[in-house]
Amino acid sequence: MVLIKKIYHSPLGEMSIIANNEGVIGIWFVHQTYFEQGISEKPIKGSTEAIDRVIDWLEAYFSGRKPSADNLPLIIQGSSFQKKVWKALRTIPYGQLTTYGELAKQLDCQSPQAVGTAIGHNPFSMVIPCHRVLSSAGKLSGYAGGLDKKRWLLTHENITFVP
């Protein structure tokens, strides 16, 4: 299967968007932790309709609108636990927060750390909003793209948080 890659220039730096013929399989900040994890073949540069739809979503988000990601053509690959965590992340509304502990309770998981690990491997930066999850003390912690980007994203959404 051929993979297509496009670099998107966001206000927070370059983002890599990779798609196959079915949809987008990942959106990463360039050089983030787990950058392009799971990509075993070299993608070719280009674009697809799915990539263009994600770019439209990113443009809307960065311009201050609150776009819905419900109809984006995302191909979500991961363990059943990761998929369960990522599905829960998608329920966190724009401008709101939760904690690793609250997500663990919601998922009937005894380990907020396990939830945090799954969140850290989220291959869809911002579209699956892992930046809206804070530590149990309500502080910034853990973001594969870097805490500077997490801080920016929360401020962009007018979310109050403990730095």
N, C-alpha and C. Protein backbone atom coordinates (compact mmCIF):
# COMPACT_ATOMS: atom_id res chain seq x y z
N MET A 1 0.84 -1.18 0.00
CA MET A 1 0.00 0.00 0.00
C MET A 1 0.89 1.25 0.00
N VAL A 2 0.61 2.16 -0.88
CA VAL A 2 1.39 3.39 -1.00
C VAL A 2 0.97 4.37 0.10
N LEU A 3 1.95 4.98 0.73
CA LEU A 3 1.70 6.02 1.72
C LEU A 3 2.06 7.37 1.12
N ILE A 4 1.21 8.36 1.42
CA ILE A 4 1.41 9.73 0.92
C ILE A 4 1.64 10.62 2.14
N LYS A 5 2.59 11.54 2.02
CA LYS A 5 2.94 12.42 3.13
C LYS A 5 2.93 13.87 2.68
N LYS A 6 2.35 14.70 3.53
CA LYS A 6 2.38 16.15 3.29
C LYS A 6 2.80 16.83 4.57
N ILE A 7 3.65 17.83 4.46
CA ILE A 7 4.04 18.64 5.61
C ILE A 7 3.13 19.86 5.66
N TYR A 8 2.53 20.06 6.83
CA TYR A 8 1.67 21.21 7.07
C TYR A 8 2.43 22.17 7.98
N HIS A 9 2.44 23.43 7.63
CA HIS A 9 3.14 24.45 8.40
C HIS A 9 2.16 25.13 9.35
N SER A 10 2.15 24.66 10.60
CA SER A 10 1.23 25.19 11.61
C SER A 10 1.90 26.33 12.37
N PRO A 11 1.12 27.09 13.15
CA PRO A 11 1.72 28.12 14.00
C PRO A 11 2.68 27.54 15.05
N LEU A 12 2.60 26.23 15.28
CA LEU A 12 3.46 25.58 16.27
C LEU A 12 4.62 24.82 15.64
N GLY A 13 4.78 24.93 14.35
CA GLY A 13 5.84 24.22 13.65
C GLY A 13 5.28 23.24 12.65
N GLU A 14 6.18 22.57 11.96
CA GLU A 14 5.78 21.65 10.91
C GLU A 14 5.10 20.41 11.48
N MET A 15 4.09 19.95 10.76
CA MET A 15 3.36 18.74 11.11
C MET A 15 3.40 17.81 9.90
N SER A 16 3.60 16.54 10.17
CA SER A 16 3.61 15.52 9.13
C SER A 16 2.24 14.84 9.12
N ILE A 17 1.61 14.80 7.96
CA ILE A 17 0.32 14.13 7.80
C ILE A 17 0.55 13.00 6.79
N ILE A 18 0.25 11.78 7.21
CA ILE A 18 0.46 10.62 6.34
C ILE A 18 -0.87 9.90 6.13
N ALA A 19 -1.12 9.54 4.87
CA ALA A 19 -2.36 8.85 4.51
C ALA A 19 -2.04 7.64 3.64
N ASN A 20 -2.99 6.70 3.66
CA ASN A 20 -2.96 5.62 2.68
C ASN A 20 -4.18 5.82 1.79
N ASN A 21 -4.55 4.84 0.99
CA ASN A 21 -5.68 5.04 0.07
C ASN A 21 -7.03 5.04 0.79
N GLU A 22 -7.06 4.72 2.07
CA GLU A 22 -8.32 4.70 2.82
C GLU A 22 -8.54 5.96 3.65
N GLY A 23 -7.47 6.63 4.06
CA GLY A 23 -7.59 7.81 4.90
C GLY A 23 -6.28 8.15 5.58
N VAL A 24 -6.35 9.09 6.51
CA VAL A 24 -5.15 9.57 7.22
C VAL A 24 -4.81 8.59 8.34
N ILE A 25 -3.53 8.21 8.40
CA ILE A 25 -3.11 7.26 9.44
C ILE A 25 -2.29 7.93 10.54
N GLY A 26 -1.96 9.20 10.38
CA GLY A 26 -1.24 9.89 11.44
C GLY A 26 -1.01 11.36 11.15
N ILE A 27 -0.98 12.14 12.25
CA ILE A 27 -0.70 13.57 12.20
C ILE A 27 0.24 13.84 13.37
N TRP A 28 1.48 14.18 13.08
CA TRP A 28 2.47 14.37 14.13
C TRP A 28 3.16 15.71 13.96
N PHE A 29 3.56 16.31 15.09
CA PHE A 29 4.50 17.42 15.03
C PHE A 29 5.85 16.81 14.66
N VAL A 30 6.55 17.44 13.73
CA VAL A 30 7.85 16.93 13.31
C VAL A 30 8.76 16.89 14.52
N HIS A 31 9.40 15.78 14.74
CA HIS A 31 10.36 15.51 15.83
C HIS A 31 9.70 15.27 17.19
N GLN A 32 8.39 15.13 17.25
CA GLN A 32 7.77 14.83 18.55
C GLN A 32 8.13 13.41 18.97
N THR A 33 7.86 13.08 20.23
CA THR A 33 8.04 11.72 20.71
C THR A 33 7.14 10.80 19.89
N TYR A 34 7.63 9.66 19.53
CA TYR A 34 6.91 8.67 18.72
C TYR A 34 6.55 9.19 17.33
N PHE A 35 7.37 10.11 16.81
CA PHE A 35 7.15 10.69 15.49
C PHE A 35 7.04 9.59 14.44
N GLU A 36 5.94 9.60 13.72
CA GLU A 36 5.66 8.66 12.63
C GLU A 36 5.82 7.20 13.07
N GLN A 37 5.52 6.93 14.33
CA GLN A 37 5.61 5.56 14.83
C GLN A 37 4.66 4.66 14.04
N GLY A 38 5.14 3.48 13.70
CA GLY A 38 4.32 2.52 12.97
C GLY A 38 4.42 2.65 11.46
N ILE A 39 5.12 3.66 10.98
CA ILE A 39 5.30 3.84 9.54
C ILE A 39 6.55 3.06 9.13
N SER A 40 6.35 1.97 8.43
CA SER A 40 7.47 1.10 8.09
C SER A 40 8.01 1.32 6.68
N GLU A 41 7.21 1.94 5.83
CA GLU A 41 7.71 2.20 4.48
C GLU A 41 7.80 3.71 4.27
N LYS A 42 8.67 4.10 3.38
CA LYS A 42 8.88 5.52 3.14
C LYS A 42 7.71 6.09 2.31
N PRO A 43 7.01 7.09 2.89
CA PRO A 43 5.91 7.69 2.13
C PRO A 43 6.44 8.58 1.00
N ILE A 44 5.62 8.74 -0.03
CA ILE A 44 5.96 9.68 -1.09
C ILE A 44 5.28 11.01 -0.80
N LYS A 45 5.92 12.08 -1.23
CA LYS A 45 5.36 13.41 -1.00
C LYS A 45 4.17 13.62 -1.92
N GLY A 46 3.13 14.25 -1.38
CA GLY A 46 1.95 14.52 -2.18
C GLY A 46 0.79 14.86 -1.28
N SER A 47 -0.40 14.70 -1.80
CA SER A 47 -1.60 14.98 -1.03
C SER A 47 -2.71 14.05 -1.51
N THR A 48 -3.71 13.93 -0.68
CA THR A 48 -4.91 13.15 -1.01
C THR A 48 -6.11 13.96 -0.54
N GLU A 49 -7.27 13.54 -0.91
CA GLU A 49 -8.47 14.20 -0.42
C GLU A 49 -8.53 14.14 1.10
N ALA A 50 -8.15 13.01 1.69
CA ALA A 50 -8.17 12.86 3.15
C ALA A 50 -7.20 13.84 3.81
N ILE A 51 -5.99 13.96 3.25
CA ILE A 51 -5.02 14.92 3.80
C ILE A 51 -5.56 16.33 3.68
N ASP A 52 -6.16 16.67 2.53
CA ASP A 52 -6.73 18.01 2.35
C ASP A 52 -7.82 18.31 3.38
N ARG A 53 -8.63 17.32 3.72
CA ARG A 53 -9.68 17.51 4.73
C ARG A 53 -9.08 17.76 6.10
N VAL A 54 -8.00 17.04 6.43
CA VAL A 54 -7.32 17.28 7.71
C VAL A 54 -6.71 18.68 7.73
N ILE A 55 -6.10 19.10 6.63
CA ILE A 55 -5.53 20.44 6.56
C ILE A 55 -6.63 21.49 6.72
N ASP A 56 -7.78 21.30 6.11
CA ASP A 56 -8.91 22.22 6.31
C ASP A 56 -9.29 22.29 7.78
N TRP A 57 -9.30 21.12 8.46
CA TRP A 57 -9.62 21.07 9.89
C TRP A 57 -8.58 21.86 10.68
N LEU A 58 -7.29 21.63 10.39
CA LEU A 58 -6.23 22.34 11.10
C LEU A 58 -6.31 23.85 10.87
N GLU A 59 -6.59 24.25 9.64
CA GLU A 59 -6.74 25.68 9.34
C GLU A 59 -7.88 26.29 10.15
N ALA A 60 -9.00 25.59 10.22
CA ALA A 60 -10.14 26.07 11.00
C ALA A 60 -9.77 26.16 12.48
N TYR A 61 -9.13 25.13 13.00
CA TYR A 61 -8.74 25.11 14.41
C TYR A 61 -7.81 26.28 14.73
N PHE A 62 -6.76 26.45 13.94
CA PHE A 62 -5.79 27.50 14.23
C PHE A 62 -6.36 28.89 14.01
N SER A 63 -7.42 29.02 13.22
CA SER A 63 -8.03 30.34 13.02
C SER A 63 -9.03 30.67 14.13
N GLY A 64 -9.20 29.76 15.11
CA GLY A 64 -10.04 30.04 16.25
C GLY A 64 -11.43 29.43 16.19
N ARG A 65 -11.74 28.75 15.10
CA ARG A 65 -13.03 28.06 15.03
C ARG A 65 -12.94 26.75 15.81
N LYS A 66 -14.04 26.11 16.02
CA LYS A 66 -14.10 24.86 16.78
C LYS A 66 -14.59 23.74 15.87
N PRO A 67 -13.72 23.29 14.97
CA PRO A 67 -14.17 22.29 13.99
C PRO A 67 -14.41 20.93 14.63
N SER A 68 -15.35 20.21 14.10
CA SER A 68 -15.62 18.85 14.54
C SER A 68 -14.73 17.90 13.75
N ALA A 69 -14.16 16.93 14.46
CA ALA A 69 -13.32 15.93 13.79
C ALA A 69 -14.10 14.65 13.51
N ASP A 70 -15.39 14.67 13.80
CA ASP A 70 -16.20 13.45 13.68
C ASP A 70 -16.19 12.83 12.29
N ASN A 71 -16.12 13.65 11.25
CA ASN A 71 -16.21 13.12 9.89
C ASN A 71 -14.88 13.08 9.15
N LEU A 72 -13.78 13.28 9.91
CA LEU A 72 -12.49 13.19 9.25
C LEU A 72 -12.17 11.73 8.94
N PRO A 73 -11.54 11.48 7.80
CA PRO A 73 -11.22 10.11 7.39
C PRO A 73 -9.95 9.59 8.08
N LEU A 74 -10.07 9.27 9.37
CA LEU A 74 -8.93 8.79 10.15
C LEU A 74 -8.94 7.27 10.18
N ILE A 75 -7.80 6.67 9.94
CA ILE A 75 -7.62 5.23 10.04
C ILE A 75 -6.88 5.01 11.36
N ILE A 76 -7.61 4.60 12.38
CA ILE A 76 -7.05 4.50 13.72
C ILE A 76 -6.53 3.08 13.94
N GLN A 77 -5.20 3.00 14.11
CA GLN A 77 -4.54 1.72 14.31
C GLN A 77 -3.85 1.73 15.67
N GLY A 78 -4.05 0.67 16.42
CA GLY A 78 -3.43 0.55 17.74
C GLY A 78 -4.03 -0.63 18.45
N SER A 79 -3.60 -0.84 19.68
CA SER A 79 -4.16 -1.94 20.48
C SER A 79 -5.61 -1.61 20.83
N SER A 80 -6.35 -2.59 21.28
CA SER A 80 -7.74 -2.33 21.66
C SER A 80 -7.80 -1.34 22.81
N PHE A 81 -6.85 -1.41 23.75
CA PHE A 81 -6.82 -0.46 24.86
C PHE A 81 -6.53 0.95 24.36
N GLN A 82 -5.54 1.09 23.48
CA GLN A 82 -5.23 2.41 22.93
C GLN A 82 -6.44 3.00 22.23
N LYS A 83 -7.10 2.21 21.40
CA LYS A 83 -8.28 2.69 20.68
C LYS A 83 -9.38 3.14 21.65
N LYS A 84 -9.54 2.40 22.74
CA LYS A 84 -10.54 2.75 23.76
C LYS A 84 -10.20 4.11 24.39
N VAL A 85 -8.92 4.31 24.72
CA VAL A 85 -8.48 5.58 25.31
C VAL A 85 -8.65 6.71 24.30
N TRP A 86 -8.23 6.49 23.06
CA TRP A 86 -8.32 7.54 22.04
C TRP A 86 -9.78 7.89 21.75
N LYS A 87 -10.66 6.92 21.80
CA LYS A 87 -12.09 7.19 21.61
C LYS A 87 -12.60 8.08 22.75
N ALA A 88 -12.16 7.81 23.97
CA ALA A 88 -12.57 8.64 25.11
C ALA A 88 -12.04 10.07 24.97
N LEU A 89 -10.82 10.22 24.45
CA LEU A 89 -10.27 11.56 24.24
C LEU A 89 -11.15 12.39 23.31
N ARG A 90 -11.72 11.73 22.32
CA ARG A 90 -12.55 12.44 21.32
C ARG A 90 -13.83 13.00 21.92
N THR A 91 -14.17 12.56 23.14
CA THR A 91 -15.38 13.08 23.79
C THR A 91 -15.11 14.33 24.63
N ILE A 92 -13.85 14.71 24.78
CA ILE A 92 -13.51 15.92 25.56
C ILE A 92 -13.79 17.13 24.68
N PRO A 93 -14.77 17.95 25.07
CA PRO A 93 -15.14 19.10 24.23
C PRO A 93 -14.03 20.15 24.14
N TYR A 94 -14.06 20.87 23.05
CA TYR A 94 -13.18 22.02 22.84
C TYR A 94 -13.30 22.93 24.06
N GLY A 95 -12.16 23.38 24.58
CA GLY A 95 -12.17 24.33 25.69
C GLY A 95 -12.36 23.70 27.06
N GLN A 96 -12.38 22.37 27.14
CA GLN A 96 -12.54 21.71 28.42
C GLN A 96 -11.39 20.76 28.69
N LEU A 97 -11.24 20.41 29.97
CA LEU A 97 -10.14 19.55 30.40
C LEU A 97 -10.65 18.33 31.14
N THR A 98 -9.78 17.35 31.25
CA THR A 98 -9.97 16.22 32.14
C THR A 98 -8.60 15.86 32.67
N THR A 99 -8.54 14.86 33.55
CA THR A 99 -7.26 14.39 34.07
C THR A 99 -7.06 12.93 33.68
N TYR A 100 -5.81 12.49 33.82
CA TYR A 100 -5.51 11.08 33.55
C TYR A 100 -6.34 10.19 34.47
N GLY A 101 -6.46 10.60 35.73
CA GLY A 101 -7.24 9.82 36.70
C GLY A 101 -8.71 9.75 36.34
N GLU A 102 -9.29 10.87 35.91
CA GLU A 102 -10.70 10.88 35.52
C GLU A 102 -10.94 9.99 34.31
N LEU A 103 -10.02 10.04 33.35
CA LEU A 103 -10.15 9.17 32.18
C LEU A 103 -10.04 7.70 32.58
N ALA A 104 -9.12 7.39 33.49
CA ALA A 104 -8.96 6.01 33.95
C ALA A 104 -10.26 5.52 34.58
N LYS A 105 -10.88 6.34 35.43
CA LYS A 105 -12.16 5.96 36.05
C LYS A 105 -13.23 5.75 34.98
N GLN A 106 -13.30 6.68 34.05
CA GLN A 106 -14.29 6.59 32.97
C GLN A 106 -14.13 5.28 32.19
N LEU A 107 -12.88 4.84 32.03
CA LEU A 107 -12.59 3.63 31.25
C LEU A 107 -12.53 2.38 32.12
N ASP A 108 -12.82 2.53 33.40
CA ASP A 108 -12.75 1.42 34.36
C ASP A 108 -11.36 0.78 34.33
N CYS A 109 -10.35 1.63 34.35
CA CYS A 109 -8.95 1.20 34.33
C CYS A 109 -8.33 1.59 35.67
N GLN A 110 -7.62 0.67 36.27
CA GLN A 110 -7.00 0.92 37.58
C GLN A 110 -5.75 1.80 37.50
N SER A 111 -5.25 2.03 36.31
CA SER A 111 -3.96 2.71 36.17
C SER A 111 -4.02 3.97 35.31
N PRO A 112 -4.01 5.14 35.96
CA PRO A 112 -3.91 6.37 35.17
C PRO A 112 -2.63 6.40 34.33
N GLN A 113 -1.57 5.72 34.82
CA GLN A 113 -0.32 5.68 34.06
C GLN A 113 -0.51 4.93 32.74
N ALA A 114 -1.27 3.84 32.76
CA ALA A 114 -1.53 3.09 31.52
C ALA A 114 -2.30 3.97 30.53
N VAL A 115 -3.26 4.74 31.06
CA VAL A 115 -4.01 5.67 30.22
C VAL A 115 -3.05 6.71 29.64
N GLY A 116 -2.16 7.23 30.48
CA GLY A 116 -1.18 8.22 30.02
C GLY A 116 -0.26 7.67 28.94
N THR A 117 0.14 6.41 29.09
CA THR A 117 0.99 5.80 28.08
C THR A 117 0.26 5.69 26.74
N ALA A 118 -1.00 5.27 26.79
CA ALA A 118 -1.80 5.19 25.56
C ALA A 118 -1.97 6.57 24.94
N ILE A 119 -2.22 7.56 25.77
CA ILE A 119 -2.38 8.93 25.27
C ILE A 119 -1.09 9.39 24.60
N GLY A 120 0.06 9.06 25.19
CA GLY A 120 1.34 9.47 24.63
C GLY A 120 1.61 8.91 23.24
N HIS A 121 0.97 7.80 22.92
CA HIS A 121 1.15 7.17 21.61
C HIS A 121 0.06 7.57 20.60
N ASN A 122 -0.78 8.53 20.96
CA ASN A 122 -1.83 9.02 20.07
C ASN A 122 -1.20 9.52 18.76
N PRO A 123 -1.54 8.92 17.64
CA PRO A 123 -0.94 9.33 16.37
C PRO A 123 -1.68 10.48 15.67
N PHE A 124 -2.62 11.10 16.35
CA PHE A 124 -3.41 12.16 15.70
C PHE A 124 -3.37 13.44 16.52
N SER A 125 -2.19 14.08 16.54
CA SER A 125 -2.02 15.32 17.31
C SER A 125 -3.17 16.29 17.07
N MET A 126 -3.73 16.77 18.15
CA MET A 126 -4.77 17.79 18.19
C MET A 126 -6.13 17.28 17.72
N VAL A 127 -6.19 16.51 16.65
CA VAL A 127 -7.48 16.02 16.14
C VAL A 127 -8.11 15.08 17.17
N ILE A 128 -7.30 14.21 17.76
CA ILE A 128 -7.72 13.45 18.93
C ILE A 128 -7.06 14.19 20.09
N PRO A 129 -7.82 14.99 20.84
CA PRO A 129 -7.27 16.05 21.69
C PRO A 129 -6.63 15.61 23.01
N CYS A 130 -5.47 14.99 22.91
CA CYS A 130 -4.75 14.57 24.12
C CYS A 130 -4.19 15.76 24.89
N HIS A 131 -4.11 16.92 24.25
CA HIS A 131 -3.62 18.11 24.95
C HIS A 131 -4.59 18.59 26.02
N ARG A 132 -5.81 18.09 26.03
CA ARG A 132 -6.82 18.50 27.01
C ARG A 132 -6.80 17.65 28.28
N VAL A 133 -5.74 16.87 28.47
CA VAL A 133 -5.62 16.01 29.65
C VAL A 133 -4.47 16.51 30.52
N LEU A 134 -4.78 16.71 31.80
CA LEU A 134 -3.79 17.20 32.75
C LEU A 134 -3.53 16.17 33.85
N SER A 135 -2.54 16.45 34.67
CA SER A 135 -2.25 15.58 35.81
C SER A 135 -3.40 15.66 36.82
N SER A 136 -3.41 14.76 37.77
CA SER A 136 -4.46 14.76 38.80
C SER A 136 -4.49 16.06 39.59
N ALA A 137 -3.34 16.73 39.70
CA ALA A 137 -3.27 18.01 40.40
C ALA A 137 -3.69 19.17 39.49
N GLY A 138 -4.09 18.86 38.27
CA GLY A 138 -4.52 19.89 37.33
C GLY A 138 -3.36 20.63 36.69
N LYS A 139 -2.19 20.04 36.70
CA LYS A 139 -1.01 20.69 36.13
C LYS A 139 -0.67 20.11 34.76
N LEU A 140 0.07 20.91 34.00
CA LEU A 140 0.55 20.44 32.71
C LEU A 140 1.50 19.27 32.92
N SER A 141 1.31 18.25 32.17
CA SER A 141 2.25 17.13 32.19
C SER A 141 2.06 16.34 30.91
N GLY A 142 3.12 15.76 30.45
CA GLY A 142 3.09 14.85 29.33
C GLY A 142 2.37 15.32 28.08
N TYR A 143 3.14 15.62 27.07
CA TYR A 143 2.58 15.87 25.74
C TYR A 143 3.69 15.53 24.76
N ALA A 144 3.42 14.59 23.88
CA ALA A 144 4.45 14.09 22.95
C ALA A 144 5.04 15.22 22.10
N GLY A 145 4.24 16.25 21.82
CA GLY A 145 4.72 17.37 21.03
C GLY A 145 5.53 18.37 21.82
N GLY A 146 5.52 18.23 23.15
CA GLY A 146 6.25 19.14 24.03
C GLY A 146 5.28 20.00 24.83
N LEU A 147 5.67 20.29 26.06
CA LEU A 147 4.79 21.09 26.94
C LEU A 147 4.57 22.50 26.42
N ASP A 148 5.53 23.05 25.67
CA ASP A 148 5.33 24.37 25.09
C ASP A 148 4.14 24.37 24.13
N LYS A 149 4.02 23.32 23.35
CA LYS A 149 2.89 23.22 22.41
C LYS A 149 1.58 22.97 23.17
N LYS A 150 1.62 22.14 24.20
CA LYS A 150 0.42 21.88 25.00
C LYS A 150 -0.07 23.17 25.63
N ARG A 151 0.85 23.94 26.20
CA ARG A 151 0.51 25.23 26.81
C ARG A 151 -0.15 26.15 25.77
N TRP A 152 0.44 26.22 24.58
CA TRP A 152 -0.09 27.07 23.51
C TRP A 152 -1.50 26.63 23.13
N LEU A 153 -1.70 25.34 22.96
CA LEU A 153 -3.01 24.81 22.54
C LEU A 153 -4.09 25.11 23.59
N LEU A 154 -3.75 24.92 24.85
CA LEU A 154 -4.73 25.20 25.92
C LEU A 154 -5.06 26.69 25.98
N THR A 155 -4.05 27.53 25.84
CA THR A 155 -4.27 28.97 25.83
C THR A 155 -5.12 29.36 24.62
N HIS A 156 -4.84 28.75 23.47
CA HIS A 156 -5.60 29.00 22.25
C HIS A 156 -7.09 28.68 22.44
N GLU A 157 -7.37 27.65 23.25
CA GLU A 157 -8.77 27.25 23.52
C GLU A 157 -9.35 27.98 24.74
N ASN A 158 -8.61 28.98 25.26
CA ASN A 158 -9.04 29.76 26.44
C ASN A 158 -9.30 28.88 27.66
N ILE A 159 -8.45 27.87 27.85
CA ILE A 159 -8.57 26.97 28.98
C ILE A 159 -7.64 27.45 30.09
N THR A 160 -8.18 27.55 31.30
CA THR A 160 -7.39 27.92 32.46
C THR A 160 -6.76 26.66 33.04
N PHE A 161 -5.47 26.75 33.33
CA PHE A 161 -4.77 25.58 33.86
C PHE A 161 -3.64 26.06 34.76
N VAL A 162 -3.12 25.14 35.59
CA VAL A 162 -2.00 25.44 36.46
C VAL A 162 -0.73 25.12 35.66
N PRO A 163 0.12 26.13 35.45
CA PRO A 163 1.33 25.87 34.65
C PRO A 163 2.31 24.93 35.33
